[in-house]
Amino acid sequence: MADGNCANKAPSVFFPSDGVGVEKAKLVCEGCPVTDQCLEYAIAHRIDHGVWGGTSERQRRRIIRARAQKRAANAQQPALQVN
């Protein structure tokens, strides 16, 4: 994302091979003006590698799972009836 803190960083920073690298990449994301958009892009496009929007692959999987569970729970609730 052109306005992101990552715009002038090497892509390799965001595709680390270890946990230390993940934490370093997340530091770049701290305070970034496009963190939310970046995260939503990664989720919408099912990007399952690298650090996006300040999250690791594992964190994004958890977010996706939690959202799916919330949608399922909401779908099971009866519709509100107004008399």
PDB file of N, CA and C in Angstrom:
ATOM      1  N   MET A   1       0.849  -1.167   0.000  1.00  0.00           N
ATOM      2  CA  MET A   1       0.000   0.000   0.000  1.00  0.00           C
ATOM      3  C   MET A   1       0.900   1.237   0.000  1.00  0.00           C
ATOM      4  N   ALA A   2       0.638   2.111  -0.898  1.00  0.00           N
ATOM      5  CA  ALA A   2       1.508   3.259  -1.136  1.00  0.00           C
ATOM      6  C   ALA A   2       1.680   4.159   0.075  1.00  0.00           C
ATOM      7  N   ASP A   3       0.661   4.273   0.916  1.00  0.00           N
ATOM      8  CA  ASP A   3       0.743   5.156   2.082  1.00  0.00           C
ATOM      9  C   ASP A   3       1.218   4.440   3.337  1.00  0.00           C
ATOM     10  N   GLY A   4       1.556   3.181   3.229  1.00  0.00           N
ATOM     11  CA  GLY A   4       1.941   2.391   4.391  1.00  0.00           C
ATOM     12  C   GLY A   4       3.366   2.621   4.844  1.00  0.00           C
ATOM     13  N   ASN A   5       3.608   2.299   6.107  1.00  0.00           N
ATOM     14  CA  ASN A   5       4.966   2.367   6.656  1.00  0.00           C
ATOM     15  C   ASN A   5       5.903   1.436   5.897  1.00  0.00           C
ATOM     16  N   CYS A   6       5.349   0.452   5.231  1.00  0.00           N
ATOM     17  CA  CYS A   6       6.141  -0.557   4.534  1.00  0.00           C
ATOM     18  C   CYS A   6       6.536  -0.147   3.120  1.00  0.00           C
ATOM     19  N   ALA A   7       6.022   0.963   2.639  1.00  0.00           N
ATOM     20  CA  ALA A   7       6.202   1.346   1.237  1.00  0.00           C
ATOM     21  C   ALA A   7       7.664   1.363   0.794  1.00  0.00           C
ATOM     22  N   ASN A   8       8.558   1.727   1.676  1.00  0.00           N
ATOM     23  CA  ASN A   8       9.975   1.813   1.310  1.00  0.00           C
ATOM     24  C   ASN A   8      10.817   0.705   1.924  1.00  0.00           C
ATOM     25  N   LYS A   9      10.156  -0.345   2.380  1.00  0.00           N
ATOM     26  CA  LYS A   9      10.869  -1.486   2.972  1.00  0.00           C
ATOM     27  C   LYS A   9      10.963  -2.611   1.949  1.00  0.00           C
ATOM     28  N   ALA A  10      11.976  -3.420   2.091  1.00  0.00           N
ATOM     29  CA  ALA A  10      12.131  -4.583   1.216  1.00  0.00           C
ATOM     30  C   ALA A  10      11.020  -5.590   1.507  1.00  0.00           C
ATOM     31  N   PRO A  11      10.414  -6.173   0.489  1.00  0.00           N
ATOM     32  CA  PRO A  11       9.361  -7.166   0.710  1.00  0.00           C
ATOM     33  C   PRO A  11       9.807  -8.319   1.602  1.00  0.00           C
ATOM     34  N   SER A  12      11.076  -8.658   1.547  1.00  0.00           N
ATOM     35  CA  SER A  12      11.580  -9.778   2.352  1.00  0.00           C
ATOM     36  C   SER A  12      11.377  -9.552   3.849  1.00  0.00           C
ATOM     37  N   VAL A  13      11.271  -8.291   4.273  1.00  0.00           N
ATOM     38  CA  VAL A  13      11.031  -7.979   5.689  1.00  0.00           C
ATOM     39  C   VAL A  13       9.713  -8.596   6.136  1.00  0.00           C
ATOM     40  N   PHE A  14       8.731  -8.655   5.252  1.00  0.00           N
ATOM     41  CA  PHE A  14       7.386  -9.089   5.606  1.00  0.00           C
ATOM     42  C   PHE A  14       7.120 -10.563   5.326  1.00  0.00           C
ATOM     43  N   PHE A  15       8.153 -11.262   4.900  1.00  0.00           N
ATOM     44  CA  PHE A  15       8.045 -12.694   4.657  1.00  0.00           C
ATOM     45  C   PHE A  15       9.199 -13.403   5.361  1.00  0.00           C
ATOM     46  N   PRO A  16       9.245 -13.249   6.695  1.00  0.00           N
ATOM     47  CA  PRO A  16      10.353 -13.803   7.474  1.00  0.00           C
ATOM     48  C   PRO A  16      10.249 -15.318   7.614  1.00  0.00           C
ATOM     49  N   SER A  17      11.366 -15.905   7.975  1.00  0.00           N
ATOM     50  CA  SER A  17      11.399 -17.357   8.150  1.00  0.00           C
ATOM     51  C   SER A  17      11.385 -17.770   9.616  1.00  0.00           C
ATOM     52  N   ASP A  18      11.325 -16.791  10.515  1.00  0.00           N
ATOM     53  CA  ASP A  18      11.311 -17.133  11.938  1.00  0.00           C
ATOM     54  C   ASP A  18      10.473 -16.131  12.727  1.00  0.00           C
ATOM     55  N   GLY A  19      10.224 -16.464  13.995  1.00  0.00           N
ATOM     56  CA  GLY A  19       9.410 -15.613  14.857  1.00  0.00           C
ATOM     57  C   GLY A  19      10.012 -14.247  15.110  1.00  0.00           C
ATOM     58  N   VAL A  20      11.332 -14.162  15.172  1.00  0.00           N
ATOM     59  CA  VAL A  20      11.988 -12.873  15.386  1.00  0.00           C
ATOM     60  C   VAL A  20      11.702 -11.957  14.199  1.00  0.00           C
ATOM     61  N   GLY A  21      11.773 -12.510  13.011  1.00  0.00           N
ATOM     62  CA  GLY A  21      11.481 -11.732  11.816  1.00  0.00           C
ATOM     63  C   GLY A  21      10.042 -11.258  11.779  1.00  0.00           C
ATOM     64  N   VAL A  22       9.126 -12.094  12.256  1.00  0.00           N
ATOM     65  CA  VAL A  22       7.712 -11.709  12.314  1.00  0.00           C
ATOM     66  C   VAL A  22       7.548 -10.512  13.239  1.00  0.00           C
ATOM     67  N   GLU A  23       8.183 -10.555  14.382  1.00  0.00           N
ATOM     68  CA  GLU A  23       8.074  -9.442  15.335  1.00  0.00           C
ATOM     69  C   GLU A  23       8.668  -8.162  14.755  1.00  0.00           C
ATOM     70  N   LYS A  24       9.767  -8.272  14.033  1.00  0.00           N
ATOM     71  CA  LYS A  24      10.369  -7.091  13.397  1.00  0.00           C
ATOM     72  C   LYS A  24       9.420  -6.501  12.353  1.00  0.00           C
ATOM     73  N   ALA A  25       8.788  -7.354  11.580  1.00  0.00           N
ATOM     74  CA  ALA A  25       7.840  -6.878  10.567  1.00  0.00           C
ATOM     75  C   ALA A  25       6.653  -6.196  11.228  1.00  0.00           C
ATOM     76  N   LYS A  26       6.169  -6.766  12.318  1.00  0.00           N
ATOM     77  CA  LYS A  26       5.026  -6.178  13.027  1.00  0.00           C
ATOM     78  C   LYS A  26       5.367  -4.790  13.559  1.00  0.00           C
ATOM     79  N   LEU A  27       6.618  -4.578  13.937  1.00  0.00           N
ATOM     80  CA  LEU A  27       7.033  -3.257  14.424  1.00  0.00           C
ATOM     81  C   LEU A  27       6.877  -2.200  13.337  1.00  0.00           C
ATOM     82  N   VAL A  28       7.126  -2.575  12.099  1.00  0.00           N
ATOM     83  CA  VAL A  28       6.954  -1.634  10.989  1.00  0.00           C
ATOM     84  C   VAL A  28       5.479  -1.238  10.883  1.00  0.00           C
ATOM     85  N   CYS A  29       4.598  -2.177  11.169  1.00  0.00           N
ATOM     86  CA  CYS A  29       3.150  -1.940  11.046  1.00  0.00           C
ATOM     87  C   CYS A  29       2.584  -1.067  12.169  1.00  0.00           C
ATOM     88  N   GLU A  30       3.276  -0.988  13.292  1.00  0.00           N
ATOM     89  CA  GLU A  30       2.764  -0.202  14.416  1.00  0.00           C
ATOM     90  C   GLU A  30       2.586   1.254  14.006  1.00  0.00           C
ATOM     91  N   GLY A  31       1.398   1.767  14.224  1.00  0.00           N
ATOM     92  CA  GLY A  31       1.110   3.163  13.915  1.00  0.00           C
ATOM     93  C   GLY A  31       0.920   3.454  12.436  1.00  0.00           C
ATOM     94  N   CYS A  32       0.899   2.429  11.619  1.00  0.00           N
ATOM     95  CA  CYS A  32       0.735   2.623  10.176  1.00  0.00           C
ATOM     96  C   CYS A  32      -0.685   3.102   9.876  1.00  0.00           C
ATOM     97  N   PRO A  33      -0.829   4.086   8.981  1.00  0.00           N
ATOM     98  CA  PRO A  33      -2.161   4.614   8.679  1.00  0.00           C
ATOM     99  C   PRO A  33      -3.044   3.668   7.861  1.00  0.00           C
ATOM    100  N   VAL A  34      -2.474   2.609   7.297  1.00  0.00           N
ATOM    101  CA  VAL A  34      -3.279   1.701   6.478  1.00  0.00           C
ATOM    102  C   VAL A  34      -3.301   0.265   7.013  1.00  0.00           C
ATOM    103  N   THR A  35      -3.030   0.112   8.297  1.00  0.00           N
ATOM    104  CA  THR A  35      -2.995  -1.231   8.886  1.00  0.00           C
ATOM    105  C   THR A  35      -4.306  -1.978   8.673  1.00  0.00           C
ATOM    106  N   ASP A  36      -5.429  -1.328   8.951  1.00  0.00           N
ATOM    107  CA  ASP A  36      -6.725  -2.000   8.816  1.00  0.00           C
ATOM    108  C   ASP A  36      -6.993  -2.416   7.372  1.00  0.00           C
ATOM    109  N   GLN A  37      -6.719  -1.520   6.438  1.00  0.00           N
ATOM    110  CA  GLN A  37      -6.932  -1.838   5.030  1.00  0.00           C
ATOM    111  C   GLN A  37      -6.022  -2.981   4.580  1.00  0.00           C
ATOM    112  N   CYS A  38      -4.811  -2.970   5.050  1.00  0.00           N
ATOM    113  CA  CYS A  38      -3.844  -4.008   4.703  1.00  0.00           C
ATOM    114  C   CYS A  38      -4.317  -5.369   5.222  1.00  0.00           C
ATOM    115  N   LEU A  39      -4.763  -5.397   6.465  1.00  0.00           N
ATOM    116  CA  LEU A  39      -5.269  -6.637   7.052  1.00  0.00           C
ATOM    117  C   LEU A  39      -6.482  -7.141   6.270  1.00  0.00           C
ATOM    118  N   GLU A  40      -7.420  -6.263   5.983  1.00  0.00           N
ATOM    119  CA  GLU A  40      -8.625  -6.672   5.255  1.00  0.00           C
ATOM    120  C   GLU A  40      -8.287  -7.160   3.849  1.00  0.00           C
ATOM    121  N   TYR A  41      -7.304  -6.549   3.215  1.00  0.00           N
ATOM    122  CA  TYR A  41      -6.854  -7.001   1.896  1.00  0.00           C
ATOM    123  C   TYR A  41      -6.340  -8.437   1.983  1.00  0.00           C
ATOM    124  N   ALA A  42      -5.488  -8.693   2.970  1.00  0.00           N
ATOM    125  CA  ALA A  42      -4.913 -10.031   3.133  1.00  0.00           C
ATOM    126  C   ALA A  42      -5.997 -11.065   3.405  1.00  0.00           C
ATOM    127  N   ILE A  43      -6.973 -10.708   4.218  1.00  0.00           N
ATOM    128  CA  ILE A  43      -8.058 -11.643   4.527  1.00  0.00           C
ATOM    129  C   ILE A  43      -8.936 -11.863   3.298  1.00  0.00           C
ATOM    130  N   ALA A  44      -9.315 -10.792   2.626  1.00  0.00           N
ATOM    131  CA  ALA A  44     -10.190 -10.900   1.456  1.00  0.00           C
ATOM    132  C   ALA A  44      -9.550 -11.709   0.331  1.00  0.00           C
ATOM    133  N   HIS A  45      -8.236 -11.606   0.208  1.00  0.00           N
ATOM    134  CA  HIS A  45      -7.531 -12.313  -0.863  1.00  0.00           C
ATOM    135  C   HIS A  45      -6.914 -13.628  -0.387  1.00  0.00           C
ATOM    136  N   ARG A  46      -7.249 -14.000   0.832  1.00  0.00           N
ATOM    137  CA  ARG A  46      -6.795 -15.270   1.420  1.00  0.00           C
ATOM    138  C   ARG A  46      -5.278 -15.447   1.316  1.00  0.00           C
ATOM    139  N   ILE A  47      -4.573 -14.376   1.651  1.00  0.00           N
ATOM    140  CA  ILE A  47      -3.111 -14.428   1.641  1.00  0.00           C
ATOM    141  C   ILE A  47      -2.677 -15.131   2.920  1.00  0.00           C
ATOM    142  N   ASP A  48      -2.044 -16.274   2.751  1.00  0.00           N
ATOM    143  CA  ASP A  48      -1.719 -17.087   3.919  1.00  0.00           C
ATOM    144  C   ASP A  48      -0.227 -17.114   4.240  1.00  0.00           C
ATOM    145  N   HIS A  49       0.495 -16.135   3.780  1.00  0.00           N
ATOM    146  CA  HIS A  49       1.921 -16.066   4.091  1.00  0.00           C
ATOM    147  C   HIS A  49       2.318 -14.611   4.335  1.00  0.00           C
ATOM    148  N   GLY A  50       3.309 -14.430   5.166  1.00  0.00           N
ATOM    149  CA  GLY A  50       3.818 -13.089   5.440  1.00  0.00           C
ATOM    150  C   GLY A  50       3.052 -12.339   6.508  1.00  0.00           C
ATOM    151  N   VAL A  51       3.565 -11.163   6.823  1.00  0.00           N
ATOM    152  CA  VAL A  51       2.944 -10.268   7.800  1.00  0.00           C
ATOM    153  C   VAL A  51       2.176  -9.210   7.024  1.00  0.00           C
ATOM    154  N   TRP A  52       0.888  -9.103   7.317  1.00  0.00           N
ATOM    155  CA  TRP A  52       0.001  -8.137   6.665  1.00  0.00           C
ATOM    156  C   TRP A  52      -0.829  -7.464   7.743  1.00  0.00           C
ATOM    157  N   GLY A  53      -0.922  -6.158   7.702  1.00  0.00           N
ATOM    158  CA  GLY A  53      -1.744  -5.443   8.672  1.00  0.00           C
ATOM    159  C   GLY A  53      -1.337  -5.714  10.110  1.00  0.00           C
ATOM    160  N   GLY A  54      -0.071  -5.952  10.315  1.00  0.00           N
ATOM    161  CA  GLY A  54       0.427  -6.196  11.665  1.00  0.00           C
ATOM    162  C   GLY A  54       0.090  -7.566  12.219  1.00  0.00           C
ATOM    163  N   THR A  55      -0.300  -8.501  11.344  1.00  0.00           N
ATOM    164  CA  THR A  55      -0.668  -9.839  11.807  1.00  0.00           C
ATOM    165  C   THR A  55       0.138 -10.915  11.091  1.00  0.00           C
ATOM    166  N   SER A  56       0.360 -11.995  11.802  1.00  0.00           N
ATOM    167  CA  SER A  56       1.028 -13.160  11.226  1.00  0.00           C
ATOM    168  C   SER A  56      -0.008 -14.051  10.549  1.00  0.00           C
ATOM    169  N   GLU A  57       0.478 -15.071   9.869  1.00  0.00           N
ATOM    170  CA  GLU A  57      -0.434 -16.027   9.233  1.00  0.00           C
ATOM    171  C   GLU A  57      -1.370 -16.635  10.266  1.00  0.00           C
ATOM    172  N   ARG A  58      -0.811 -17.043  11.383  1.00  0.00           N
ATOM    173  CA  ARG A  58      -1.601 -17.682  12.444  1.00  0.00           C
ATOM    174  C   ARG A  58      -2.671 -16.732  12.970  1.00  0.00           C
ATOM    175  N   GLN A  59      -2.308 -15.491  13.180  1.00  0.00           N
ATOM    176  CA  GLN A  59      -3.281 -14.520  13.684  1.00  0.00           C
ATOM    177  C   GLN A  59      -4.414 -14.300  12.685  1.00  0.00           C
ATOM    178  N   ARG A  60      -4.079 -14.243  11.401  1.00  0.00           N
ATOM    179  CA  ARG A  60      -5.129 -14.065  10.395  1.00  0.00           C
ATOM    180  C   ARG A  60      -6.053 -15.271  10.341  1.00  0.00           C
ATOM    181  N   ARG A  61      -5.502 -16.467  10.480  1.00  0.00           N
ATOM    182  CA  ARG A  61      -6.359 -17.661  10.515  1.00  0.00           C
ATOM    183  C   ARG A  61      -7.329 -17.584  11.687  1.00  0.00           C
ATOM    184  N   ARG A  62      -6.849 -17.123  12.828  1.00  0.00           N
ATOM    185  CA  ARG A  62      -7.727 -16.981  14.001  1.00  0.00           C
ATOM    186  C   ARG A  62      -8.817 -15.943  13.753  1.00  0.00           C
ATOM    187  N   ILE A  63      -8.452 -14.831  13.137  1.00  0.00           N
ATOM    188  CA  ILE A  63      -9.437 -13.783  12.828  1.00  0.00           C
ATOM    189  C   ILE A  63     -10.503 -14.335  11.883  1.00  0.00           C
ATOM    190  N   ILE A  64     -10.083 -15.036  10.855  1.00  0.00           N
ATOM    191  CA  ILE A  64     -11.024 -15.608   9.886  1.00  0.00           C
ATOM    192  C   ILE A  64     -11.948 -16.605  10.575  1.00  0.00           C
ATOM    193  N   ARG A  65     -11.385 -17.454  11.413  1.00  0.00           N
ATOM    194  CA  ARG A  65     -12.178 -18.449  12.136  1.00  0.00           C
ATOM    195  C   ARG A  65     -13.188 -17.774  13.060  1.00  0.00           C
ATOM    196  N   ALA A  66     -12.748 -16.748  13.788  1.00  0.00           N
ATOM    197  CA  ALA A  66     -13.638 -16.036  14.715  1.00  0.00           C
ATOM    198  C   ALA A  66     -14.770 -15.348  13.957  1.00  0.00           C
ATOM    199  N   ARG A  67     -14.463 -14.758  12.829  1.00  0.00           N
ATOM    200  CA  ARG A  67     -15.501 -14.095  12.028  1.00  0.00           C
ATOM    201  C   ARG A  67     -16.510 -15.113  11.502  1.00  0.00           C
ATOM    202  N   ALA A  68     -16.024 -16.262  11.072  1.00  0.00           N
ATOM    203  CA  ALA A  68     -16.923 -17.307  10.566  1.00  0.00           C
ATOM    204  C   ALA A  68     -17.837 -17.807  11.677  1.00  0.00           C
ATOM    205  N   GLN A  69     -17.283 -17.988  12.870  1.00  0.00           N
ATOM    206  CA  GLN A  69     -18.095 -18.432  14.003  1.00  0.00           C
ATOM    207  C   GLN A  69     -19.145 -17.391  14.359  1.00  0.00           C
ATOM    208  N   LYS A  70     -18.776 -16.129  14.300  1.00  0.00           N
ATOM    209  CA  LYS A  70     -19.726 -15.055  14.608  1.00  0.00           C
ATOM    210  C   LYS A  70     -20.844 -15.021  13.575  1.00  0.00           C
ATOM    211  N   ARG A  71     -20.482 -15.166  12.296  1.00  0.00           N
ATOM    212  CA  ARG A  71     -21.509 -15.192  11.248  1.00  0.00           C
ATOM    213  C   ARG A  71     -22.456 -16.371  11.446  1.00  0.00           C
ATOM    214  N   ALA A  72     -21.902 -17.526  11.791  1.00  0.00           N
ATOM    215  CA  ALA A  72     -22.729 -18.715  12.004  1.00  0.00           C
ATOM    216  C   ALA A  72     -23.666 -18.517  13.186  1.00  0.00           C
ATOM    217  N   ALA A  73     -23.157 -17.932  14.256  1.00  0.00           N
ATOM    218  CA  ALA A  73     -23.986 -17.678  15.439  1.00  0.00           C
ATOM    219  C   ALA A  73     -25.092 -16.683  15.114  1.00  0.00           C
ATOM    220  N   ASN A  74     -24.770 -15.647  14.363  1.00  0.00           N
ATOM    221  CA  ASN A  74     -25.772 -14.649  13.980  1.00  0.00           C
ATOM    222  C   ASN A  74     -26.830 -15.250  13.062  1.00  0.00           C
ATOM    223  N   ALA A  75     -26.432 -16.169  12.209  1.00  0.00           N
ATOM    224  CA  ALA A  75     -27.372 -16.798  11.284  1.00  0.00           C
ATOM    225  C   ALA A  75     -28.363 -17.695  12.019  1.00  0.00           C
ATOM    226  N   GLN A  76     -27.967 -18.201  13.176  1.00  0.00           N
ATOM    227  CA  GLN A  76     -28.830 -19.095  13.942  1.00  0.00           C
ATOM    228  C   GLN A  76     -29.812 -18.351  14.832  1.00  0.00           C
ATOM    229  N   GLN A  77     -29.610 -17.062  15.032  1.00  0.00           N
ATOM    230  CA  GLN A  77     -30.510 -16.285  15.879  1.00  0.00           C
ATOM    231  C   GLN A  77     -31.782 -15.972  15.107  1.00  0.00           C
ATOM    232  N   PRO A  78     -32.933 -16.058  15.793  1.00  0.00           N
ATOM    233  CA  PRO A  78     -34.180 -15.714  15.106  1.00  0.00           C
ATOM    234  C   PRO A  78     -34.216 -14.223  14.777  1.00  0.00           C
ATOM    235  N   ALA A  79     -34.888 -13.897  13.699  1.00  0.00           N
ATOM    236  CA  ALA A  79     -35.009 -12.498  13.285  1.00  0.00           C
ATOM    237  C   ALA A  79     -35.830 -11.726  14.305  1.00  0.00           C
ATOM    238  N   LEU A  80     -35.477 -10.492  14.521  1.00  0.00           N
ATOM    239  CA  LEU A  80     -36.198  -9.612  15.442  1.00  0.00           C
ATOM    240  C   LEU A  80     -37.526  -9.233  14.804  1.00  0.00           C
ATOM    241  N   GLN A  81     -38.592  -9.439  15.565  1.00  0.00           N
ATOM    242  CA  GLN A  81     -39.921  -9.109  15.047  1.00  0.00           C
ATOM    243  C   GLN A  81     -40.421  -7.847  15.718  1.00  0.00           C
ATOM    244  N   VAL A  82     -40.927  -6.941  14.915  1.00  0.00           N
ATOM    245  CA  VAL A  82     -41.472  -5.690  15.423  1.00  0.00           C
ATOM    246  C   VAL A  82     -42.978  -5.738  15.238  1.00  0.00           C
ATOM    247  N   ASN A  83     -43.706  -5.503  16.330  1.00  0.00           N
ATOM    248  CA  ASN A  83     -45.176  -5.522  16.255  1.00  0.00           C
ATOM    249  C   ASN A  83     -45.715  -4.136  16.149  1.00  0.00           C
TER     250      ASN A  83
END
